[in-house]
Amino acid sequence: MRVLRYVLKHVGICIATAVLFFQSWLSLVVLVPLTAVRMYRERHVLKNRRRKLLEEHFRDGLQCLLASLEAGYSIENSVTHAAEDLQMMFEEKEPIVDEFRRMSRKLASGGNVEDVLMEFGERSEVEDIRTFAGIFTIAKRTGGDVAKVIRSVTDTLYQKQEVMREIQTVLLAKQLEVGIMKVMPYLMLGYFLVFSPGFLSPLYTGIVGHAVMLLLYLLYRMFCMIAERIACIEV
């Protein structure tokens, strides 16, 4: 569903660009391939969104896991109970629910808990999860207190997420400004198209007019890319 929304958004932008910047459906011949290339280059957006959700909700998963361990369940059964608890806390489509259910199925099939967690860490591409999997493996094999390890990691993640939330609050304001900046040219062109269609008509006729609009559009895309790089700082 998220992929469909992502595709529809870019298709809508492509059509709006053809109408507002060039007033020519023939421009779609160029814009569609360019949009496809941009979507291909931005495919990591969905991947990063899933990774960030995993990183954000991983602490909740550890808390559910810790609660089951303290209730007397084995680590294997604790993963299963944690998956059930997470399913009640979040929607089934959430990445953390999917990952814990996957781990639960592998453990039910006879998988080793250390290997399952290590696979989870590598698959998630989240450094905190990889680190936890490594620490857990060492503690489990050396007979350490697994519950204490999980509690310590949970406290550390809480402190880290508090700092990240403060930074993210500042970044969200900048990202909102970038979003407004990206929409404004479309709104202005749409306004003139509806209320004063003859005002910009020289820019939609003749070779010079189309060349100017093409240059303006390319400059607009360049400034959008620069603004996105400034606002989208990895935390």
Foldseek 3Di string as FASTA:
>chain_A
DVVVVVVVVLVVVLVLCCCLLANDPVCSVVSVVVSVVVCVVCVCVVVVVLLVLCLVCVLVLLVQLLVVVVVPDDSLVSLVRSLVVVVVVDPCPRNNNVLSVVLNVCVVVPDDNLVSQCVSCVVSVHPLSNVLSVVLVVCVVVVHDNSVSSVVSSVVSVVVVVVVVVVVVVLVVLVVVLVCLLCVVSVVSVVCVPPPVPPLVVLNDDPVSVVVSVVVVVVSVVVSVVSCVVSPDDD
